[in-house]
Amino acid sequence: MYKIFMLIAVPALIIGWIAYAYWIRKVCEEEKKQPKQESKRLTKTKSEIADWAQQMAKFKKPERKPPEQDK
């Protein structure tokens, strides 16, 4: 019984893996052909980061006053 199961299961498993590899390869090729589109959320995040970077570039460190000494 075990031999019959293995004679059927092993080839079926091998065929399944080959079909899966072929399908994944086909999907990857189709993705490479399509132009990449950025989502609105990603575009918005990139613009917010760019704005933040510009604000940080304009930022000036406040001058530090020396502590007053008590006499």
PDB file of N, CA and C in Angstrom:
ATOM      1  N   MET A   1       0.817  -1.193   0.000  1.00  0.00           N
ATOM      2  CA  MET A   1       0.000   0.000   0.000  1.00  0.00           C
ATOM      3  C   MET A   1       0.865   1.263   0.000  1.00  0.00           C
ATOM      4  N   TYR A   2       1.915   1.261   0.838  1.00  0.00           N
ATOM      5  CA  TYR A   2       2.807   2.417   0.933  1.00  0.00           C
ATOM      6  C   TYR A   2       3.520   2.660  -0.390  1.00  0.00           C
ATOM      7  N   LYS A   3       3.950   1.575  -1.039  1.00  0.00           N
ATOM      8  CA  LYS A   3       4.654   1.714  -2.324  1.00  0.00           C
ATOM      9  C   LYS A   3       3.745   2.324  -3.387  1.00  0.00           C
ATOM     10  N   ILE A   4       2.502   1.906  -3.404  1.00  0.00           N
ATOM     11  CA  ILE A   4       1.562   2.453  -4.384  1.00  0.00           C
ATOM     12  C   ILE A   4       1.339   3.938  -4.116  1.00  0.00           C
ATOM     13  N   PHE A   5       1.173   4.296  -2.839  1.00  0.00           N
ATOM     14  CA  PHE A   5       0.990   5.707  -2.481  1.00  0.00           C
ATOM     15  C   PHE A   5       2.186   6.539  -2.916  1.00  0.00           C
ATOM     16  N   MET A   6       3.391   6.038  -2.642  1.00  0.00           N
ATOM     17  CA  MET A   6       4.597   6.790  -2.998  1.00  0.00           C
ATOM     18  C   MET A   6       4.784   6.865  -4.511  1.00  0.00           C
ATOM     19  N   LEU A   7       4.413   5.811  -5.252  1.00  0.00           N
ATOM     20  CA  LEU A   7       4.527   5.840  -6.711  1.00  0.00           C
ATOM     21  C   LEU A   7       3.586   6.868  -7.325  1.00  0.00           C
ATOM     22  N   ILE A   8       2.511   7.173  -6.644  1.00  0.00           N
ATOM     23  CA  ILE A   8       1.574   8.183  -7.144  1.00  0.00           C
ATOM     24  C   ILE A   8       1.922   9.564  -6.597  1.00  0.00           C
ATOM     25  N   ALA A   9       2.264   9.660  -5.315  1.00  0.00           N
ATOM     26  CA  ALA A   9       2.472  10.956  -4.664  1.00  0.00           C
ATOM     27  C   ALA A   9       3.745  11.655  -5.128  1.00  0.00           C
ATOM     28  N   VAL A  10       4.835  10.920  -5.249  1.00  0.00           N
ATOM     29  CA  VAL A  10       6.116  11.556  -5.616  1.00  0.00           C
ATOM     30  C   VAL A  10       6.061  12.176  -7.004  1.00  0.00           C
ATOM     31  N   PRO A  11       5.620  11.446  -8.039  1.00  0.00           N
ATOM     32  CA  PRO A  11       5.518  12.107  -9.357  1.00  0.00           C
ATOM     33  C   PRO A  11       4.533  13.281  -9.363  1.00  0.00           C
ATOM     34  N   ALA A  12       3.424  13.144  -8.614  1.00  0.00           N
ATOM     35  CA  ALA A  12       2.459  14.250  -8.557  1.00  0.00           C
ATOM     36  C   ALA A  12       3.088  15.478  -7.909  1.00  0.00           C
ATOM     37  N   LEU A  13       3.871  15.260  -6.879  1.00  0.00           N
ATOM     38  CA  LEU A  13       4.557  16.365  -6.215  1.00  0.00           C
ATOM     39  C   LEU A  13       5.572  17.024  -7.146  1.00  0.00           C
ATOM     40  N   ILE A  14       6.320  16.217  -7.870  1.00  0.00           N
ATOM     41  CA  ILE A  14       7.316  16.754  -8.811  1.00  0.00           C
ATOM     42  C   ILE A  14       6.627  17.561  -9.907  1.00  0.00           C
ATOM     43  N   ILE A  15       5.543  17.036 -10.446  1.00  0.00           N
ATOM     44  CA  ILE A  15       4.801  17.762 -11.491  1.00  0.00           C
ATOM     45  C   ILE A  15       4.241  19.062 -10.930  1.00  0.00           C
ATOM     46  N   GLY A  16       3.768  19.024  -9.703  1.00  0.00           N
ATOM     47  CA  GLY A  16       3.242  20.239  -9.075  1.00  0.00           C
ATOM     48  C   GLY A  16       4.304  21.308  -8.907  1.00  0.00           C
ATOM     49  N   TRP A  17       5.498  20.932  -8.471  1.00  0.00           N
ATOM     50  CA  TRP A  17       6.581  21.902  -8.308  1.00  0.00           C
ATOM     51  C   TRP A  17       7.025  22.477  -9.649  1.00  0.00           C
ATOM     52  N   ILE A  18       7.058  21.646 -10.673  1.00  0.00           N
ATOM     53  CA  ILE A  18       7.435  22.137 -12.008  1.00  0.00           C
ATOM     54  C   ILE A  18       6.389  23.130 -12.503  1.00  0.00           C
ATOM     55  N   ALA A  19       5.110  22.814 -12.323  1.00  0.00           N
ATOM     56  CA  ALA A  19       4.047  23.734 -12.747  1.00  0.00           C
ATOM     57  C   ALA A  19       4.117  25.039 -11.964  1.00  0.00           C
ATOM     58  N   TYR A  20       4.386  24.964 -10.669  1.00  0.00           N
ATOM     59  CA  TYR A  20       4.500  26.157  -9.844  1.00  0.00           C
ATOM     60  C   TYR A  20       5.679  27.033 -10.290  1.00  0.00           C
ATOM     61  N   ALA A  21       6.828  26.423 -10.559  1.00  0.00           N
ATOM     62  CA  ALA A  21       8.004  27.173 -11.018  1.00  0.00           C
ATOM     63  C   ALA A  21       7.715  27.859 -12.354  1.00  0.00           C
ATOM     64  N   TYR A  22       7.038  27.155 -13.257  1.00  0.00           N
ATOM     65  CA  TYR A  22       6.684  27.738 -14.551  1.00  0.00           C
ATOM     66  C   TYR A  22       5.745  28.928 -14.361  1.00  0.00           C
ATOM     67  N   TRP A  23       4.760  28.789 -13.467  1.00  0.00           N
ATOM     68  CA  TRP A  23       3.786  29.855 -13.231  1.00  0.00           C
ATOM     69  C   TRP A  23       4.461  31.082 -12.619  1.00  0.00           C
ATOM     70  N   ILE A  24       5.330  30.868 -11.645  1.00  0.00           N
ATOM     71  CA  ILE A  24       6.041  31.987 -11.010  1.00  0.00           C
ATOM     72  C   ILE A  24       6.913  32.712 -12.032  1.00  0.00           C
ATOM     73  N   ARG A  25       7.592  31.945 -12.871  1.00  0.00           N
ATOM     74  CA  ARG A  25       8.451  32.550 -13.902  1.00  0.00           C
ATOM     75  C   ARG A  25       7.614  33.402 -14.848  1.00  0.00           C
ATOM     76  N   LYS A  26       6.457  32.902 -15.244  1.00  0.00           N
ATOM     77  CA  LYS A  26       5.572  33.631 -16.147  1.00  0.00           C
ATOM     78  C   LYS A  26       5.084  34.927 -15.497  1.00  0.00           C
ATOM     79  N   VAL A  27       4.706  34.866 -14.225  1.00  0.00           N
ATOM     80  CA  VAL A  27       4.236  36.056 -13.506  1.00  0.00           C
ATOM     81  C   VAL A  27       5.353  37.106 -13.406  1.00  0.00           C
ATOM     82  N   CYS A  28       6.565  36.665 -13.088  1.00  0.00           N
ATOM     83  CA  CYS A  28       7.697  37.601 -12.984  1.00  0.00           C
ATOM     84  C   CYS A  28       7.980  38.291 -14.311  1.00  0.00           C
ATOM     85  N   GLU A  29       7.908  37.555 -15.412  1.00  0.00           N
ATOM     86  CA  GLU A  29       8.134  38.152 -16.730  1.00  0.00           C
ATOM     87  C   GLU A  29       7.065  39.193 -17.053  1.00  0.00           C
ATOM     88  N   GLU A  30       5.819  38.913 -16.704  1.00  0.00           N
ATOM     89  CA  GLU A  30       4.738  39.871 -16.945  1.00  0.00           C
ATOM     90  C   GLU A  30       4.918  41.129 -16.106  1.00  0.00           C
ATOM     91  N   GLU A  31       5.393  40.975 -14.870  1.00  0.00           N
ATOM     92  CA  GLU A  31       5.615  42.146 -14.009  1.00  0.00           C
ATOM     93  C   GLU A  31       6.736  43.015 -14.556  1.00  0.00           C
ATOM     94  N   LYS A  32       7.762  42.408 -15.126  1.00  0.00           N
ATOM     95  CA  LYS A  32       8.871  43.188 -15.686  1.00  0.00           C
ATOM     96  C   LYS A  32       8.422  44.005 -16.892  1.00  0.00           C
ATOM     97  N   LYS A  33       7.463  43.485 -17.643  1.00  0.00           N
ATOM     98  CA  LYS A  33       6.990  44.178 -18.838  1.00  0.00           C
ATOM     99  C   LYS A  33       6.140  45.406 -18.500  1.00  0.00           C
ATOM    100  N   GLN A  34       5.448  45.375 -17.370  1.00  0.00           N
ATOM    101  CA  GLN A  34       4.556  46.472 -17.010  1.00  0.00           C
ATOM    102  C   GLN A  34       5.343  47.629 -16.400  1.00  0.00           C
ATOM    103  N   PRO A  35       4.963  48.866 -16.746  1.00  0.00           N
ATOM    104  CA  PRO A  35       5.645  50.015 -16.128  1.00  0.00           C
ATOM    105  C   PRO A  35       5.275  50.112 -14.650  1.00  0.00           C
ATOM    106  N   LYS A  36       6.226  50.564 -13.875  1.00  0.00           N
ATOM    107  CA  LYS A  36       5.974  50.701 -12.445  1.00  0.00           C
ATOM    108  C   LYS A  36       5.148  51.958 -12.198  1.00  0.00           C
ATOM    109  N   GLN A  37       4.102  51.811 -11.390  1.00  0.00           N
ATOM    110  CA  GLN A  37       3.242  52.935 -11.055  1.00  0.00           C
ATOM    111  C   GLN A  37       3.305  53.157  -9.546  1.00  0.00           C
ATOM    112  N   GLU A  38       3.579  54.388  -9.188  1.00  0.00           N
ATOM    113  CA  GLU A  38       3.609  54.716  -7.770  1.00  0.00           C
ATOM    114  C   GLU A  38       2.197  55.018  -7.295  1.00  0.00           C
ATOM    115  N   SER A  39       1.879  54.559  -6.138  1.00  0.00           N
ATOM    116  CA  SER A  39       0.560  54.821  -5.577  1.00  0.00           C
ATOM    117  C   SER A  39       0.488  56.273  -5.107  1.00  0.00           C
ATOM    118  N   LYS A  40      -0.712  56.750  -4.919  1.00  0.00           N
ATOM    119  CA  LYS A  40      -0.898  58.126  -4.439  1.00  0.00           C
ATOM    120  C   LYS A  40      -0.304  58.286  -3.049  1.00  0.00           C
ATOM    121  N   ARG A  41      -0.461  57.253  -2.242  1.00  0.00           N
ATOM    122  CA  ARG A  41       0.058  57.312  -0.873  1.00  0.00           C
ATOM    123  C   ARG A  41       1.584  57.410  -0.868  1.00  0.00           C
ATOM    124  N   LEU A  42       2.242  56.628  -1.732  1.00  0.00           N
ATOM    125  CA  LEU A  42       3.700  56.672  -1.807  1.00  0.00           C
ATOM    126  C   LEU A  42       4.174  58.030  -2.306  1.00  0.00           C
ATOM    127  N   THR A  43       3.498  58.572  -3.315  1.00  0.00           N
ATOM    128  CA  THR A  43       3.855  59.890  -3.838  1.00  0.00           C
ATOM    129  C   THR A  43       3.693  60.959  -2.767  1.00  0.00           C
ATOM    130  N   LYS A  44       2.594  60.882  -2.012  1.00  0.00           N
ATOM    131  CA  LYS A  44       2.343  61.852  -0.950  1.00  0.00           C
ATOM    132  C   LYS A  44       3.420  61.752   0.133  1.00  0.00           C
ATOM    133  N   THR A  45       3.786  60.541   0.498  1.00  0.00           N
ATOM    134  CA  THR A  45       4.816  60.348   1.523  1.00  0.00           C
ATOM    135  C   THR A  45       6.157  60.904   1.054  1.00  0.00           C
ATOM    136  N   LYS A  46       6.501  60.655  -0.194  1.00  0.00           N
ATOM    137  CA  LYS A  46       7.771  61.173  -0.725  1.00  0.00           C
ATOM    138  C   LYS A  46       7.791  62.698  -0.710  1.00  0.00           C
ATOM    139  N   SER A  47       6.664  63.329  -1.073  1.00  0.00           N
ATOM    140  CA  SER A  47       6.627  64.787  -1.082  1.00  0.00           C
ATOM    141  C   SER A  47       6.692  65.338   0.343  1.00  0.00           C
ATOM    142  N   GLU A  48       6.058  64.650   1.290  1.00  0.00           N
ATOM    143  CA  GLU A  48       6.122  65.095   2.686  1.00  0.00           C
ATOM    144  C   GLU A  48       7.553  64.990   3.215  1.00  0.00           C
ATOM    145  N   ILE A  49       8.244  63.946   2.857  1.00  0.00           N
ATOM    146  CA  ILE A  49       9.635  63.789   3.306  1.00  0.00           C
ATOM    147  C   ILE A  49      10.515  64.864   2.676  1.00  0.00           C
ATOM    148  N   ALA A  50      10.271  65.174   1.408  1.00  0.00           N
ATOM    149  CA  ALA A  50      11.043  66.221   0.747  1.00  0.00           C
ATOM    150  C   ALA A  50      10.794  67.577   1.416  1.00  0.00           C
ATOM    151  N   ASP A  51       9.537  67.864   1.749  1.00  0.00           N
ATOM    152  CA  ASP A  51       9.216  69.116   2.440  1.00  0.00           C
ATOM    153  C   ASP A  51       9.894  69.175   3.807  1.00  0.00           C
ATOM    154  N   TRP A  52       9.854  68.057   4.529  1.00  0.00           N
ATOM    155  CA  TRP A  52      10.495  67.995   5.847  1.00  0.00           C
ATOM    156  C   TRP A  52      11.997  68.217   5.729  1.00  0.00           C
ATOM    157  N   ALA A  53      12.616  67.630   4.704  1.00  0.00           N
ATOM    158  CA  ALA A  53      14.057  67.796   4.508  1.00  0.00           C
ATOM    159  C   ALA A  53      14.401  69.253   4.211  1.00  0.00           C
ATOM    160  N   GLN A  54      13.566  69.933   3.452  1.00  0.00           N
ATOM    161  CA  GLN A  54      13.800  71.351   3.171  1.00  0.00           C
ATOM    162  C   GLN A  54      13.668  72.177   4.444  1.00  0.00           C
ATOM    163  N   GLN A  55      12.702  71.870   5.275  1.00  0.00           N
ATOM    164  CA  GLN A  55      12.542  72.590   6.538  1.00  0.00           C
ATOM    165  C   GLN A  55      13.750  72.367   7.449  1.00  0.00           C
ATOM    166  N   MET A  56      14.268  71.160   7.467  1.00  0.00           N
ATOM    167  CA  MET A  56      15.439  70.862   8.294  1.00  0.00           C
ATOM    168  C   MET A  56      16.681  71.582   7.769  1.00  0.00           C
ATOM    169  N   ALA A  57      16.754  71.742   6.443  1.00  0.00           N
ATOM    170  CA  ALA A  57      17.891  72.456   5.866  1.00  0.00           C
ATOM    171  C   ALA A  57      17.842  73.935   6.236  1.00  0.00           C
ATOM    172  N   LYS A  58      16.648  74.501   6.350  1.00  0.00           N
ATOM    173  CA  LYS A  58      16.499  75.908   6.703  1.00  0.00           C
ATOM    174  C   LYS A  58      16.626  76.159   8.200  1.00  0.00           C
ATOM    175  N   PHE A  59      16.534  75.116   8.987  1.00  0.00           N
ATOM    176  CA  PHE A  59      16.544  75.251  10.439  1.00  0.00           C
ATOM    177  C   PHE A  59      17.888  75.786  10.931  1.00  0.00           C
ATOM    178  N   LYS A  60      17.813  76.764  11.812  1.00  0.00           N
ATOM    179  CA  LYS A  60      19.030  77.308  12.424  1.00  0.00           C
ATOM    180  C   LYS A  60      18.992  76.994  13.906  1.00  0.00           C
ATOM    181  N   LYS A  61      20.075  76.510  14.386  1.00  0.00           N
ATOM    182  CA  LYS A  61      20.168  76.150  15.786  1.00  0.00           C
ATOM    183  C   LYS A  61      20.098  77.424  16.628  1.00  0.00           C
ATOM    184  N   PRO A  62      19.289  77.445  17.664  1.00  0.00           N
ATOM    185  CA  PRO A  62      19.209  78.650  18.493  1.00  0.00           C
ATOM    186  C   PRO A  62      20.538  78.885  19.213  1.00  0.00           C
ATOM    187  N   GLU A  63      20.840  80.165  19.358  1.00  0.00           N
ATOM    188  CA  GLU A  63      22.093  80.498  20.040  1.00  0.00           C
ATOM    189  C   GLU A  63      21.965  80.198  21.525  1.00  0.00           C
ATOM    190  N   ARG A  64      23.005  79.703  22.066  1.00  0.00           N
ATOM    191  CA  ARG A  64      23.007  79.336  23.474  1.00  0.00           C
ATOM    192  C   ARG A  64      23.568  80.496  24.293  1.00  0.00           C
ATOM    193  N   LYS A  65      22.811  80.890  25.282  1.00  0.00           N
ATOM    194  CA  LYS A  65      23.263  81.984  26.136  1.00  0.00           C
ATOM    195  C   LYS A  65      24.098  81.394  27.262  1.00  0.00           C
ATOM    196  N   PRO A  66      25.174  82.064  27.581  1.00  0.00           N
ATOM    197  CA  PRO A  66      25.961  81.559  28.718  1.00  0.00           C
ATOM    198  C   PRO A  66      25.180  81.736  30.018  1.00  0.00           C
ATOM    199  N   PRO A  67      25.330  80.818  30.934  1.00  0.00           N
ATOM    200  CA  PRO A  67      24.578  80.937  32.187  1.00  0.00           C
ATOM    201  C   PRO A  67      25.051  82.160  32.975  1.00  0.00           C
ATOM    202  N   GLU A  68      24.093  82.823  33.621  1.00  0.00           N
ATOM    203  CA  GLU A  68      24.432  83.989  34.424  1.00  0.00           C
ATOM    204  C   GLU A  68      25.067  83.507  35.721  1.00  0.00           C
ATOM    205  N   GLN A  69      26.129  84.181  36.069  1.00  0.00           N
ATOM    206  CA  GLN A  69      26.802  83.793  37.301  1.00  0.00           C
ATOM    207  C   GLN A  69      26.334  84.695  38.436  1.00  0.00           C
ATOM    208  N   ASP A  70      26.006  84.087  39.551  1.00  0.00           N
ATOM    209  CA  ASP A  70      25.592  84.864  40.728  1.00  0.00           C
ATOM    210  C   ASP A  70      26.840  85.324  41.464  1.00  0.00           C
ATOM    211  N   LYS A  71      26.825  86.566  41.887  1.00  0.00           N
ATOM    212  CA  LYS A  71      27.974  87.093  42.607  1.00  0.00           C
ATOM    213  C   LYS A  71      27.648  87.309  44.034  1.00  0.00           C
TER     214      LYS A  71
END
